[in-house]
Amino acid sequence: MGMSELVAERKVSESQSERSEIVLPADSNAIGSLFGGRLMQYIDLVGAMAASRHARAFTVTASMDHLDFVAPVRVGELLILKASVNRAFRTSMEVGVRVMVEDVREQRLRHVSSAYLTFVAVDREGNRLAVPQVVPETEHQKRRFEDAGRRREMRAGETQRKKEMRASLGAGWHV
């Protein structure tokens, strides 16, 4: 029995994670903006931290179904990424990540990206593990909990639609 099975529920605050990064030239494109793929990597890492804390287990990324690039991030800027588990299902969790740029001189934050990811808890052999349910405490956490349920329903419908489409295409569709 994995650690994730020992606790029936866990508060959102127990798994919230934060990561900070300074954007360096090697992380940017020719016009000095952070590569989108690098930002996706940071989002995936901070999301995995929150999911692993919640499950108290290894987690793997199942999907990143919604990612908005709201504003560019420039070389030299300080990124602040915050993640929390919005909702847990049987073995999976939806994690929301919000990315801000901190202007250290003005002491202001600017929103630059948001994403929703799904993580699955697994053991060392890759077998799925049950995860504790999420206990939202604040009104904001309760709204995110409810929204995550709606997004899960939409993802399930889209997954089924894609499965049916692939089946209708038959062998050789990719040629």
N, C-alpha and C. Protein backbone atom coordinates (compact mmCIF):
# COMPACT_ATOMS: atom_id res chain seq x y z
N MET A 1 0.85 -1.19 0.00
CA MET A 1 0.00 0.00 0.00
C MET A 1 0.89 1.24 0.00
N GLY A 2 0.67 2.14 -0.97
CA GLY A 2 1.47 3.34 -1.08
C GLY A 2 1.03 4.40 -0.08
N MET A 3 1.90 5.37 0.14
CA MET A 3 1.58 6.46 1.07
C MET A 3 0.30 7.18 0.68
N SER A 4 0.06 7.29 -0.63
CA SER A 4 -1.11 8.03 -1.08
C SER A 4 -2.41 7.37 -0.64
N GLU A 5 -2.37 6.08 -0.36
CA GLU A 5 -3.58 5.38 0.04
C GLU A 5 -3.88 5.49 1.53
N LEU A 6 -2.94 6.00 2.31
CA LEU A 6 -3.10 6.06 3.75
C LEU A 6 -3.99 7.22 4.22
N VAL A 7 -4.09 8.26 3.42
CA VAL A 7 -4.85 9.45 3.79
C VAL A 7 -6.01 9.60 2.81
N ALA A 8 -7.21 9.75 3.34
CA ALA A 8 -8.40 9.84 2.48
C ALA A 8 -8.55 11.21 1.83
N GLU A 9 -8.02 12.24 2.48
CA GLU A 9 -8.15 13.59 1.93
C GLU A 9 -7.00 14.46 2.42
N ARG A 10 -6.76 15.52 1.64
CA ARG A 10 -5.67 16.43 1.97
C ARG A 10 -6.09 17.83 1.54
N LYS A 11 -5.76 18.83 2.37
CA LYS A 11 -6.08 20.23 2.06
C LYS A 11 -5.23 20.72 0.89
N VAL A 12 -5.78 21.66 0.13
CA VAL A 12 -5.06 22.28 -0.98
C VAL A 12 -3.75 22.88 -0.48
N SER A 13 -3.81 23.54 0.66
CA SER A 13 -2.63 24.23 1.20
C SER A 13 -1.47 23.30 1.52
N GLU A 14 -1.74 22.01 1.71
CA GLU A 14 -0.68 21.07 2.06
C GLU A 14 0.22 20.72 0.88
N SER A 15 -0.22 21.01 -0.33
CA SER A 15 0.58 20.61 -1.49
C SER A 15 0.96 21.77 -2.41
N GLN A 16 0.54 22.97 -2.07
CA GLN A 16 0.87 24.10 -2.94
C GLN A 16 2.38 24.21 -3.10
N SER A 17 2.79 24.54 -4.33
CA SER A 17 4.22 24.62 -4.63
C SER A 17 4.53 25.91 -5.36
N GLU A 18 5.76 26.35 -5.20
CA GLU A 18 6.21 27.57 -5.85
C GLU A 18 7.63 27.37 -6.35
N ARG A 19 7.93 27.99 -7.48
CA ARG A 19 9.26 27.91 -8.08
C ARG A 19 9.58 29.28 -8.65
N SER A 20 10.82 29.69 -8.54
CA SER A 20 11.26 30.96 -9.10
C SER A 20 12.42 30.71 -10.05
N GLU A 21 12.47 31.49 -11.11
CA GLU A 21 13.53 31.37 -12.12
C GLU A 21 13.87 32.77 -12.62
N ILE A 22 15.16 33.00 -12.88
CA ILE A 22 15.58 34.20 -13.59
C ILE A 22 15.74 33.80 -15.04
N VAL A 23 15.16 34.55 -15.95
CA VAL A 23 15.24 34.23 -17.38
C VAL A 23 16.61 34.65 -17.90
N LEU A 24 17.34 33.67 -18.41
CA LEU A 24 18.69 33.89 -18.93
C LEU A 24 18.69 33.86 -20.45
N PRO A 25 19.73 34.41 -21.07
CA PRO A 25 19.78 34.43 -22.54
C PRO A 25 19.65 33.05 -23.19
N ALA A 26 20.18 32.02 -22.57
CA ALA A 26 20.08 30.67 -23.14
C ALA A 26 18.65 30.15 -23.16
N ASP A 27 17.76 30.78 -22.39
CA ASP A 27 16.35 30.38 -22.31
C ASP A 27 15.47 31.17 -23.26
N SER A 28 16.08 32.02 -24.08
CA SER A 28 15.27 32.94 -24.88
C SER A 28 15.51 32.80 -26.37
N ASN A 29 14.58 33.37 -27.11
CA ASN A 29 14.66 33.38 -28.58
C ASN A 29 15.48 34.59 -29.06
N ALA A 30 15.51 34.81 -30.36
CA ALA A 30 16.33 35.86 -30.96
C ALA A 30 15.91 37.27 -30.55
N ILE A 31 14.68 37.46 -30.09
CA ILE A 31 14.25 38.80 -29.68
C ILE A 31 14.22 38.97 -28.16
N GLY A 32 14.85 38.02 -27.44
CA GLY A 32 14.99 38.16 -26.00
C GLY A 32 13.79 37.75 -25.18
N SER A 33 12.87 36.97 -25.77
CA SER A 33 11.70 36.47 -25.03
C SER A 33 11.91 35.01 -24.66
N LEU A 34 11.42 34.64 -23.50
CA LEU A 34 11.52 33.27 -23.03
C LEU A 34 10.88 32.31 -24.02
N PHE A 35 11.58 31.21 -24.35
CA PHE A 35 11.00 30.18 -25.20
C PHE A 35 9.73 29.63 -24.55
N GLY A 36 8.67 29.45 -25.33
CA GLY A 36 7.44 28.86 -24.81
C GLY A 36 7.68 27.46 -24.26
N GLY A 37 8.52 26.70 -24.93
CA GLY A 37 8.82 25.34 -24.47
C GLY A 37 9.52 25.32 -23.13
N ARG A 38 10.38 26.30 -22.88
CA ARG A 38 11.06 26.38 -21.59
C ARG A 38 10.05 26.72 -20.50
N LEU A 39 9.12 27.63 -20.81
CA LEU A 39 8.08 27.96 -19.84
C LEU A 39 7.22 26.73 -19.56
N MET A 40 6.92 25.95 -20.61
CA MET A 40 6.15 24.72 -20.41
C MET A 40 6.90 23.76 -19.48
N GLN A 41 8.22 23.68 -19.63
CA GLN A 41 9.02 22.82 -18.76
C GLN A 41 8.90 23.28 -17.30
N TYR A 42 9.04 24.57 -17.06
CA TYR A 42 8.93 25.09 -15.70
C TYR A 42 7.54 24.81 -15.13
N ILE A 43 6.51 25.00 -15.96
CA ILE A 43 5.13 24.74 -15.52
C ILE A 43 4.96 23.27 -15.16
N ASP A 44 5.49 22.39 -15.98
CA ASP A 44 5.40 20.95 -15.72
C ASP A 44 6.10 20.59 -14.41
N LEU A 45 7.26 21.17 -14.18
CA LEU A 45 8.02 20.86 -12.96
C LEU A 45 7.30 21.32 -11.69
N VAL A 46 6.80 22.56 -11.69
CA VAL A 46 6.13 23.05 -10.48
C VAL A 46 4.80 22.33 -10.28
N GLY A 47 4.14 21.97 -11.39
CA GLY A 47 2.91 21.18 -11.29
C GLY A 47 3.18 19.81 -10.70
N ALA A 48 4.27 19.17 -11.13
CA ALA A 48 4.64 17.86 -10.61
C ALA A 48 4.97 17.93 -9.12
N MET A 49 5.56 19.03 -8.69
CA MET A 49 5.86 19.19 -7.26
C MET A 49 4.57 19.19 -6.45
N ALA A 50 3.57 19.94 -6.89
CA ALA A 50 2.29 20.00 -6.16
C ALA A 50 1.60 18.64 -6.18
N ALA A 51 1.59 17.99 -7.35
CA ALA A 51 0.93 16.68 -7.46
C ALA A 51 1.61 15.64 -6.58
N SER A 52 2.93 15.63 -6.58
CA SER A 52 3.67 14.66 -5.76
C SER A 52 3.45 14.92 -4.27
N ARG A 53 3.42 16.19 -3.89
CA ARG A 53 3.15 16.52 -2.48
C ARG A 53 1.76 16.04 -2.07
N HIS A 54 0.80 16.24 -2.96
CA HIS A 54 -0.57 15.83 -2.64
C HIS A 54 -0.67 14.31 -2.52
N ALA A 55 -0.11 13.60 -3.51
CA ALA A 55 -0.22 12.14 -3.55
C ALA A 55 0.75 11.46 -2.60
N ARG A 56 1.82 12.17 -2.22
CA ARG A 56 2.92 11.56 -1.46
C ARG A 56 3.45 10.35 -2.22
N ALA A 57 3.61 10.55 -3.55
CA ALA A 57 4.03 9.47 -4.43
C ALA A 57 4.65 10.08 -5.68
N PHE A 58 5.25 9.23 -6.51
CA PHE A 58 5.72 9.66 -7.82
C PHE A 58 4.49 10.04 -8.64
N THR A 59 4.66 11.03 -9.51
CA THR A 59 3.57 11.38 -10.42
C THR A 59 4.13 11.54 -11.82
N VAL A 60 3.28 11.28 -12.79
CA VAL A 60 3.64 11.48 -14.20
C VAL A 60 2.62 12.41 -14.83
N THR A 61 3.08 13.18 -15.80
CA THR A 61 2.20 14.11 -16.51
C THR A 61 1.36 13.34 -17.51
N ALA A 62 0.05 13.44 -17.39
CA ALA A 62 -0.85 12.79 -18.34
C ALA A 62 -1.25 13.75 -19.45
N SER A 63 -1.44 15.02 -19.10
CA SER A 63 -1.80 15.99 -20.13
C SER A 63 -1.58 17.41 -19.63
N MET A 64 -1.42 18.29 -20.59
CA MET A 64 -1.44 19.73 -20.35
C MET A 64 -2.49 20.22 -21.34
N ASP A 65 -3.75 20.32 -20.86
CA ASP A 65 -4.82 20.57 -21.81
C ASP A 65 -5.16 22.03 -22.02
N HIS A 66 -4.60 22.88 -21.24
CA HIS A 66 -4.91 24.30 -21.44
C HIS A 66 -3.71 25.11 -21.00
N LEU A 67 -3.17 25.90 -21.91
CA LEU A 67 -2.02 26.74 -21.61
C LEU A 67 -2.19 28.06 -22.33
N ASP A 68 -2.18 29.14 -21.58
CA ASP A 68 -2.28 30.48 -22.16
C ASP A 68 -0.96 31.20 -21.97
N PHE A 69 -0.42 31.77 -23.06
CA PHE A 69 0.70 32.68 -22.99
C PHE A 69 0.10 34.08 -23.07
N VAL A 70 -0.01 34.73 -21.94
CA VAL A 70 -0.70 36.02 -21.85
C VAL A 70 0.19 37.18 -22.27
N ALA A 71 1.47 37.12 -21.89
CA ALA A 71 2.39 38.21 -22.19
C ALA A 71 3.80 37.64 -22.28
N PRO A 72 4.67 38.30 -23.05
CA PRO A 72 6.05 37.80 -23.16
C PRO A 72 6.82 37.97 -21.86
N VAL A 73 7.84 37.13 -21.71
CA VAL A 73 8.74 37.20 -20.56
C VAL A 73 10.13 37.49 -21.15
N ARG A 74 10.77 38.52 -20.66
CA ARG A 74 12.04 38.98 -21.22
C ARG A 74 13.24 38.49 -20.40
N VAL A 75 14.38 38.43 -21.08
CA VAL A 75 15.63 38.07 -20.42
C VAL A 75 15.85 39.00 -19.23
N GLY A 76 16.25 38.43 -18.11
CA GLY A 76 16.52 39.20 -16.90
C GLY A 76 15.34 39.29 -15.95
N GLU A 77 14.14 38.95 -16.43
CA GLU A 77 12.97 39.03 -15.55
C GLU A 77 12.90 37.84 -14.61
N LEU A 78 12.25 38.04 -13.49
CA LEU A 78 12.11 37.00 -12.47
C LEU A 78 10.74 36.36 -12.59
N LEU A 79 10.73 35.05 -12.89
CA LEU A 79 9.48 34.29 -13.00
C LEU A 79 9.11 33.72 -11.65
N ILE A 80 7.84 33.80 -11.31
CA ILE A 80 7.30 33.16 -10.12
C ILE A 80 6.19 32.23 -10.59
N LEU A 81 6.33 30.93 -10.35
CA LEU A 81 5.33 29.94 -10.75
C LEU A 81 4.70 29.37 -9.49
N LYS A 82 3.37 29.34 -9.45
CA LYS A 82 2.65 28.81 -8.30
C LYS A 82 1.69 27.73 -8.77
N ALA A 83 1.69 26.60 -8.07
CA ALA A 83 0.86 25.47 -8.46
C ALA A 83 0.06 24.97 -7.26
N SER A 84 -1.16 24.51 -7.55
CA SER A 84 -1.95 23.86 -6.52
C SER A 84 -2.85 22.81 -7.17
N VAL A 85 -3.15 21.79 -6.39
CA VAL A 85 -4.04 20.74 -6.87
C VAL A 85 -5.46 21.27 -6.76
N ASN A 86 -6.14 21.34 -7.90
CA ASN A 86 -7.51 21.85 -7.92
C ASN A 86 -8.51 20.78 -7.48
N ARG A 87 -8.25 19.54 -7.92
CA ARG A 87 -9.17 18.45 -7.61
C ARG A 87 -8.46 17.13 -7.86
N ALA A 88 -8.81 16.14 -7.06
CA ALA A 88 -8.27 14.79 -7.25
C ALA A 88 -9.42 13.86 -7.60
N PHE A 89 -9.11 12.90 -8.42
CA PHE A 89 -10.08 11.88 -8.81
C PHE A 89 -9.59 10.56 -8.21
N ARG A 90 -9.67 9.45 -8.87
CA ARG A 90 -9.22 8.20 -8.25
C ARG A 90 -7.68 8.11 -8.21
N THR A 91 -7.06 8.23 -9.37
CA THR A 91 -5.59 8.15 -9.43
C THR A 91 -4.98 9.40 -10.06
N SER A 92 -5.82 10.30 -10.52
CA SER A 92 -5.31 11.50 -11.19
C SER A 92 -5.70 12.76 -10.43
N MET A 93 -4.98 13.83 -10.77
CA MET A 93 -5.19 15.13 -10.14
C MET A 93 -5.10 16.22 -11.19
N GLU A 94 -5.98 17.21 -11.13
CA GLU A 94 -5.80 18.40 -11.95
C GLU A 94 -5.03 19.42 -11.13
N VAL A 95 -3.97 19.94 -11.73
CA VAL A 95 -3.14 20.96 -11.09
C VAL A 95 -3.22 22.23 -11.91
N GLY A 96 -3.48 23.33 -11.24
CA GLY A 96 -3.46 24.63 -11.89
C GLY A 96 -2.15 25.32 -11.60
N VAL A 97 -1.57 25.95 -12.62
CA VAL A 97 -0.31 26.68 -12.46
C VAL A 97 -0.52 28.10 -12.96
N ARG A 98 -0.11 29.04 -12.16
CA ARG A 98 -0.17 30.46 -12.53
C ARG A 98 1.26 30.98 -12.56
N VAL A 99 1.60 31.70 -13.63
CA VAL A 99 2.95 32.21 -13.80
C VAL A 99 2.91 33.74 -13.80
N MET A 100 3.76 34.31 -12.97
CA MET A 100 3.84 35.76 -12.85
C MET A 100 5.29 36.20 -13.10
N VAL A 101 5.46 37.44 -13.52
CA VAL A 101 6.77 38.06 -13.56
C VAL A 101 6.79 39.09 -12.44
N GLU A 102 7.82 39.02 -11.64
CA GLU A 102 7.97 39.99 -10.54
C GLU A 102 8.87 41.13 -10.99
N ASP A 103 8.36 42.34 -10.88
CA ASP A 103 9.17 43.53 -11.10
C ASP A 103 9.72 43.89 -9.73
N VAL A 104 10.98 43.55 -9.50
CA VAL A 104 11.55 43.73 -8.16
C VAL A 104 11.73 45.20 -7.80
N ARG A 105 11.93 46.05 -8.81
CA ARG A 105 12.09 47.48 -8.52
C ARG A 105 10.76 48.10 -8.09
N GLU A 106 9.70 47.76 -8.80
CA GLU A 106 8.37 48.33 -8.52
C GLU A 106 7.60 47.50 -7.49
N GLN A 107 8.10 46.32 -7.17
CA GLN A 107 7.43 45.38 -6.25
C GLN A 107 6.00 45.09 -6.71
N ARG A 108 5.91 44.74 -8.04
CA ARG A 108 4.62 44.40 -8.63
C ARG A 108 4.74 43.06 -9.34
N LEU A 109 3.60 42.38 -9.45
CA LEU A 109 3.54 41.12 -10.20
C LEU A 109 2.71 41.34 -11.45
N ARG A 110 3.13 40.68 -12.55
CA ARG A 110 2.42 40.74 -13.82
C ARG A 110 2.12 39.32 -14.26
N HIS A 111 0.86 39.01 -14.52
CA HIS A 111 0.46 37.68 -14.95
C HIS A 111 0.92 37.45 -16.39
N VAL A 112 1.62 36.31 -16.63
CA VAL A 112 2.12 36.04 -17.98
C VAL A 112 1.63 34.71 -18.55
N SER A 113 1.18 33.80 -17.70
CA SER A 113 0.73 32.51 -18.22
C SER A 113 -0.08 31.76 -17.17
N SER A 114 -0.95 30.87 -17.65
CA SER A 114 -1.71 29.96 -16.80
C SER A 114 -1.84 28.63 -17.52
N ALA A 115 -1.94 27.55 -16.75
CA ALA A 115 -2.07 26.23 -17.37
C ALA A 115 -2.80 25.28 -16.43
N TYR A 116 -3.45 24.28 -17.03
CA TYR A 116 -4.05 23.17 -16.29
C TYR A 116 -3.38 21.89 -16.78
N LEU A 117 -2.93 21.10 -15.83
CA LEU A 117 -2.27 19.84 -16.14
C LEU A 117 -2.94 18.71 -15.37
N THR A 118 -2.86 17.51 -15.92
CA THR A 118 -3.34 16.33 -15.21
C THR A 118 -2.14 15.45 -14.92
N PHE A 119 -2.02 15.05 -13.67
CA PHE A 119 -0.96 14.15 -13.23
C PHE A 119 -1.58 12.87 -12.69
N VAL A 120 -0.86 11.77 -12.84
CA VAL A 120 -1.30 10.47 -12.32
C VAL A 120 -0.25 10.00 -11.32
N ALA A 121 -0.70 9.52 -10.17
CA ALA A 121 0.21 8.96 -9.16
C ALA A 121 0.54 7.52 -9.52
N VAL A 122 1.82 7.19 -9.42
CA VAL A 122 2.27 5.84 -9.76
C VAL A 122 3.30 5.34 -8.75
N ASP A 123 3.45 4.01 -8.69
CA ASP A 123 4.51 3.43 -7.88
C ASP A 123 5.77 3.29 -8.74
N ARG A 124 6.81 2.69 -8.20
CA ARG A 124 8.09 2.57 -8.91
C ARG A 124 7.98 1.76 -10.21
N GLU A 125 7.00 0.89 -10.28
CA GLU A 125 6.81 0.07 -11.48
C GLU A 125 5.87 0.73 -12.49
N GLY A 126 5.33 1.89 -12.14
CA GLY A 126 4.44 2.60 -13.04
C GLY A 126 2.97 2.25 -12.88
N ASN A 127 2.65 1.47 -11.84
CA ASN A 127 1.25 1.13 -11.58
C ASN A 127 0.57 2.31 -10.90
N ARG A 128 -0.67 2.57 -11.30
CA ARG A 128 -1.43 3.69 -10.74
C ARG A 128 -1.71 3.49 -9.25
N LEU A 129 -1.69 4.59 -8.53
CA LEU A 129 -2.00 4.60 -7.10
C LEU A 129 -3.20 5.50 -6.85
N ALA A 130 -4.03 5.11 -5.92
CA ALA A 130 -5.14 5.97 -5.49
C ALA A 130 -4.56 7.20 -4.80
N VAL A 131 -5.22 8.35 -4.98
CA VAL A 131 -4.76 9.59 -4.37
C VAL A 131 -5.81 10.12 -3.40
N PRO A 132 -5.37 10.87 -2.39
CA PRO A 132 -6.32 11.48 -1.46
C PRO A 132 -7.21 12.50 -2.19
N GLN A 133 -8.41 12.67 -1.72
CA GLN A 133 -9.30 13.69 -2.27
C GLN A 133 -8.83 15.06 -1.81
N VAL A 134 -9.21 16.09 -2.55
CA VAL A 134 -8.83 17.46 -2.23
C VAL A 134 -9.89 18.08 -1.33
N VAL A 135 -9.43 18.80 -0.31
CA VAL A 135 -10.33 19.54 0.56
C VAL A 135 -10.09 21.03 0.31
N PRO A 136 -10.95 21.66 -0.50
CA PRO A 136 -10.80 23.11 -0.72
C PRO A 136 -11.32 23.85 0.49
N GLU A 137 -10.60 24.88 0.91
CA GLU A 137 -10.98 25.63 2.11
C GLU A 137 -11.50 27.03 1.79
N THR A 138 -10.85 27.74 0.88
CA THR A 138 -11.25 29.11 0.58
C THR A 138 -12.29 29.11 -0.54
N GLU A 139 -12.95 30.23 -0.74
CA GLU A 139 -13.92 30.35 -1.83
C GLU A 139 -13.23 30.16 -3.18
N HIS A 140 -12.03 30.72 -3.31
CA HIS A 140 -11.26 30.58 -4.54
C HIS A 140 -10.94 29.10 -4.81
N GLN A 141 -10.52 28.37 -3.80
CA GLN A 141 -10.22 26.94 -3.94
C GLN A 141 -11.48 26.15 -4.27
N LYS A 142 -12.59 26.52 -3.69
CA LYS A 142 -13.86 25.82 -3.97
C LYS A 142 -14.29 26.05 -5.43
N ARG A 143 -14.10 27.28 -5.94
CA ARG A 143 -14.42 27.57 -7.34
C ARG A 143 -13.53 26.75 -8.26
N ARG A 144 -12.23 26.69 -7.95
CA ARG A 144 -11.30 25.91 -8.78
C ARG A 144 -11.65 24.43 -8.74
N PHE A 145 -12.09 23.94 -7.59
CA PHE A 145 -12.50 22.54 -7.43
C PHE A 145 -13.67 22.23 -8.37
N GLU A 146 -14.69 23.09 -8.36
CA GLU A 146 -15.87 22.89 -9.21
C GLU A 146 -15.51 23.02 -10.69
N ASP A 147 -14.69 24.01 -11.02
CA ASP A 147 -14.26 24.20 -12.41
C ASP A 147 -13.49 22.98 -12.92
N ALA A 148 -12.68 22.39 -12.06
CA ALA A 148 -11.89 21.21 -12.45
C ALA A 148 -12.80 20.03 -12.81
N GLY A 149 -13.92 19.89 -12.12
CA GLY A 149 -14.88 18.84 -12.45
C GLY A 149 -15.47 19.04 -13.83
N ARG A 150 -15.79 20.30 -14.16
CA ARG A 150 -16.33 20.60 -15.50
C ARG A 150 -15.29 20.36 -16.58
N ARG A 151 -14.04 20.75 -16.31
CA ARG A 151 -12.98 20.52 -17.30
C ARG A 151 -12.75 19.03 -17.51
N ARG A 152 -12.87 18.23 -16.46
CA ARG A 152 -12.69 16.79 -16.60
C ARG A 152 -13.75 16.19 -17.53
N GLU A 153 -14.99 16.65 -17.37
CA GLU A 153 -16.07 16.18 -18.25
C GLU A 153 -15.79 16.56 -19.70
N MET A 154 -15.31 17.77 -19.93
CA MET A 154 -14.99 18.20 -21.30
C MET A 154 -13.83 17.38 -21.86
N ARG A 155 -12.80 17.13 -21.04
CA ARG A 155 -11.66 16.31 -21.49
C ARG A 155 -12.12 14.92 -21.87
N ALA A 156 -13.00 14.33 -21.07
CA ALA A 156 -13.49 12.98 -21.35
C ALA A 156 -14.23 12.94 -22.68
N GLY A 157 -15.04 13.94 -22.95
CA GLY A 157 -15.75 14.01 -24.23
C GLY A 157 -14.79 14.17 -25.39
N GLU A 158 -13.79 14.99 -25.23
CA GLU A 158 -12.80 15.21 -26.30
C GLU A 158 -11.97 13.95 -26.53
N THR A 159 -11.61 13.26 -25.46
CA THR A 159 -10.85 12.01 -25.58
C THR A 159 -11.66 10.98 -26.36
N GLN A 160 -12.94 10.86 -26.05
CA GLN A 160 -13.81 9.91 -26.76
C GLN A 160 -13.95 10.29 -28.23
N ARG A 161 -14.11 11.58 -28.50
CA ARG A 161 -14.24 12.05 -29.88
C ARG A 161 -12.99 11.70 -30.68
N LYS A 162 -11.80 11.93 -30.11
CA LYS A 162 -10.55 11.62 -30.80
C LYS A 162 -10.38 10.12 -31.02
N LYS A 163 -10.78 9.34 -30.04
CA LYS A 163 -10.69 7.88 -30.15
C LYS A 163 -11.55 7.38 -31.31
N GLU A 164 -12.77 7.89 -31.39
CA GLU A 164 -13.68 7.51 -32.46
C GLU A 164 -13.15 7.97 -33.83
N MET A 165 -12.57 9.17 -33.87
CA MET A 165 -12.03 9.68 -35.12
C MET A 165 -10.88 8.79 -35.60
N ARG A 166 -9.96 8.42 -34.70
CA ARG A 166 -8.84 7.56 -35.09
C ARG A 166 -9.33 6.22 -35.58
N ALA A 167 -10.35 5.67 -34.92
CA ALA A 167 -10.90 4.38 -35.33
C ALA A 167 -11.52 4.46 -36.73
N SER A 168 -12.15 5.58 -37.05
CA SER A 168 -12.79 5.72 -38.36
C SER A 168 -11.79 5.93 -39.48
N LEU A 169 -10.61 6.39 -39.18
CA LEU A 169 -9.60 6.64 -40.20
C LEU A 169 -8.97 5.36 -40.74
N GLY A 170 -8.90 4.35 -39.91
CA GLY A 170 -8.34 3.06 -40.35
C GLY A 170 -6.84 3.10 -40.46
N ALA A 171 -6.26 1.98 -40.84
CA ALA A 171 -4.81 1.86 -40.97
C ALA A 171 -4.32 2.73 -42.11
N GLY A 172 -3.15 3.29 -41.95
CA GLY A 172 -2.54 4.09 -43.00
C GLY A 172 -2.99 5.53 -43.06
N TRP A 173 -3.77 6.01 -42.08
CA TRP A 173 -4.26 7.38 -42.10
C TRP A 173 -3.13 8.40 -42.04
N HIS A 174 -2.00 8.02 -41.49
CA HIS A 174 -0.90 8.95 -41.29
C HIS A 174 -0.02 9.13 -42.52
N VAL A 175 -0.24 8.33 -43.57
CA VAL A 175 0.60 8.38 -44.76
C VAL A 175 0.20 9.51 -45.67
